C-alpha atoms as a PDB file:
ATOM      1  CA  MET A   1      99.219 128.800  98.241  1.00  0.00           C
ATOM      2  CA  LEU A   2      99.121 131.898  96.121  1.00  0.00           C
ATOM      3  CA  TRP A   3      96.029 133.216  97.912  1.00  0.00           C
ATOM      4  CA  GLN A   4      97.979 133.141 101.208  1.00  0.00           C
ATOM      5  CA  ALA A   5     100.516 135.608  99.790  1.00  0.00           C
ATOM      6  CA  LYS A   6      97.907 138.203  98.820  1.00  0.00           C
ATOM      7  CA  LEU A   7      97.635 139.812 102.272  1.00  0.00           C
ATOM      8  CA  PRO A   8     101.390 140.352 102.821  1.00  0.00           C
ATOM      9  CA  ILE A   9     101.743 141.712  99.293  1.00  0.00           C
ATOM     10  CA  ALA A  10      98.811 144.092  99.802  1.00  0.00           C
ATOM     11  CA  MET A  11     100.265 145.260 103.116  1.00  0.00           C
ATOM     12  CA  ALA A  12     103.673 145.897 101.506  1.00  0.00           C
ATOM     13  CA  ILE A  13     102.047 147.972  98.769  1.00  0.00           C
ATOM     14  CA  LEU A  14     100.051 149.936 101.351  1.00  0.00           C
ATOM     15  CA  VAL A  15     103.185 150.692 103.387  1.00  0.00           C
ATOM     16  CA  ALA A  16     105.027 151.864 100.257  1.00  0.00           C
ATOM     17  CA  VAL A  17     102.177 154.208  99.314  1.00  0.00           C
ATOM     18  CA  VAL A  18     102.043 155.686 102.823  1.00  0.00           C
ATOM     19  CA  VAL A  19     105.807 156.304 102.816  1.00  0.00           C
ATOM     20  CA  VAL A  20     105.691 158.043  99.424  1.00  0.00           C
ATOM     21  CA  LEU A  21     102.790 160.263 100.529  1.00  0.00           C
ATOM     22  CA  ALA A  22     104.542 161.170 103.776  1.00  0.00           C
ATOM     23  CA  LEU A  23     107.725 162.193 101.961  1.00  0.00           C
ATOM     24  CA  GLY A  24     105.750 164.353  99.524  1.00  0.00           C
ATOM     25  CA  ALA A  25     103.907 166.046 102.386  1.00  0.00           C
ATOM     26  CA  ASP A  26     107.226 166.869 104.050  1.00  0.00           C
ATOM     27  CA  ASP A  27     108.533 168.520 100.857  1.00  0.00           C
ATOM     28  CA  ARG A  28     105.347 170.616 100.543  1.00  0.00           C
ATOM     29  CA  ARG A  29     105.639 171.681 104.191  1.00  0.00           C
ATOM     30  CA  ARG A  30     109.274 172.759 103.707  1.00  0.00           C
ATOM     31  CA  CYS A  31     108.330 174.699 100.577  1.00  0.00           C
ATOM     32  CA  ARG A  32     105.525 176.505 102.415  1.00  0.00           C
ATOM     33  CA  GLN A  33     107.760 177.321 105.396  1.00  0.00           C
ATOM     34  CA  ASP A  34     110.565 178.674 103.200  1.00  0.00           C
ATOM     35  CA  CYS A  35     108.190 180.939 101.273  1.00  0.00           C
ATOM     36  CA  LEU A  36     106.396 182.216 104.365  1.00  0.00           C
ATOM     37  CA  LYS A  37     109.716 182.839 106.103  1.00  0.00           C
ATOM     38  CA  ASP A  38     110.760 185.110 103.214  1.00  0.00           C
ATOM     39  CA  GLY A  39     107.470 187.018 103.417  1.00  0.00           C
ATOM     40  CA  HIS A  40     105.690 185.564 100.396  1.00  0.00           C
ATOM     41  CA  PRO A  41     101.965 185.015 100.926  1.00  0.00           C
ATOM     42  CA  ASP A  42     101.637 181.830  98.850  1.00  0.00           C
ATOM     43  CA  TYR A  43     103.621 179.015  97.261  1.00  0.00           C
ATOM     44  CA  ARG A  44     103.376 176.452  94.482  1.00  0.00           C
ATOM     45  CA  TYR A  45     104.827 172.982  94.846  1.00  0.00           C
ATOM     46  CA  SER A  46     105.337 170.601  91.924  1.00  0.00           C
ATOM     47  CA  PRO A  47     106.496 167.048  92.453  1.00  0.00           C
ATOM     48  CA  PRO A  48     110.047 166.310  91.298  1.00  0.00           C
ATOM     49  CA  GLY A  49     110.225 165.171  87.704  1.00  0.00           C
ATOM     50  CA  SER A  50     107.319 167.310  86.534  1.00  0.00           C
ATOM     51  CA  GLY A  51     109.607 169.478  84.428  1.00  0.00           C
ATOM     52  CA  GLY A  52     109.583 172.664  86.483  1.00  0.00           C
ATOM     53  CA  PRO A  53     111.114 173.735  89.744  1.00  0.00           C
ATOM     54  CA  ALA A  54     109.838 171.807  92.750  1.00  0.00           C
ATOM     55  CA  CYS A  55     109.104 174.895  94.852  1.00  0.00           C
ATOM     56  CA  GLU A  56     108.188 178.413  93.775  1.00  0.00           C
ATOM     57  CA  CYS A  57     106.957 181.265  95.913  1.00  0.00           C
ATOM     58  CA  ILE A  58     104.125 183.513  94.785  1.00  0.00           C
ATOM     59  CA  GLY A  59     104.846 187.183  95.442  1.00  0.00           C
ATOM     60  CA  ARG A  60     102.323 189.757  96.638  1.00  0.00           C
ATOM     61  CA  ASP A  61     101.891 190.923  93.034  1.00  0.00           C
ATOM     62  CA  GLY A  62     100.957 187.374  91.943  1.00  0.00           C
ATOM     63  CA  LYS A  63     104.222 186.697  90.111  1.00  0.00           C
ATOM     64  CA  ARG A  64     106.222 183.545  90.673  1.00  0.00           C
ATOM     65  CA  VAL A  65     109.496 183.998  92.516  1.00  0.00           C
ATOM     66  CA  PRO A  66     112.184 181.317  92.849  1.00  0.00           C
ATOM     67  CA  ALA A  67     112.143 179.676  96.257  1.00  0.00           C
ATOM     68  CA  PRO A  68     114.957 180.652  98.620  1.00  0.00           C
ATOM     69  CA  ALA A  69     117.889 178.274  98.827  1.00  0.00           C
ATOM     70  CA  ARG A  70     117.923 176.083 101.900  1.00  0.00           C
END
């Protein structure tokens, strides 16, 4: 009976991974849009919990600038 549960469990894990990846992609997109809207040519996104700010803009001189508040 245990072998019959493997497919639903694998599908549940796959759905969870897809949801997590989609949410991360949305955060990166928002970071990029906020930085470009303020005129910064580049951005750096770090996942939450990595110790630093989640979104930083890179200025034209190459220095990191805090992302604008939403």
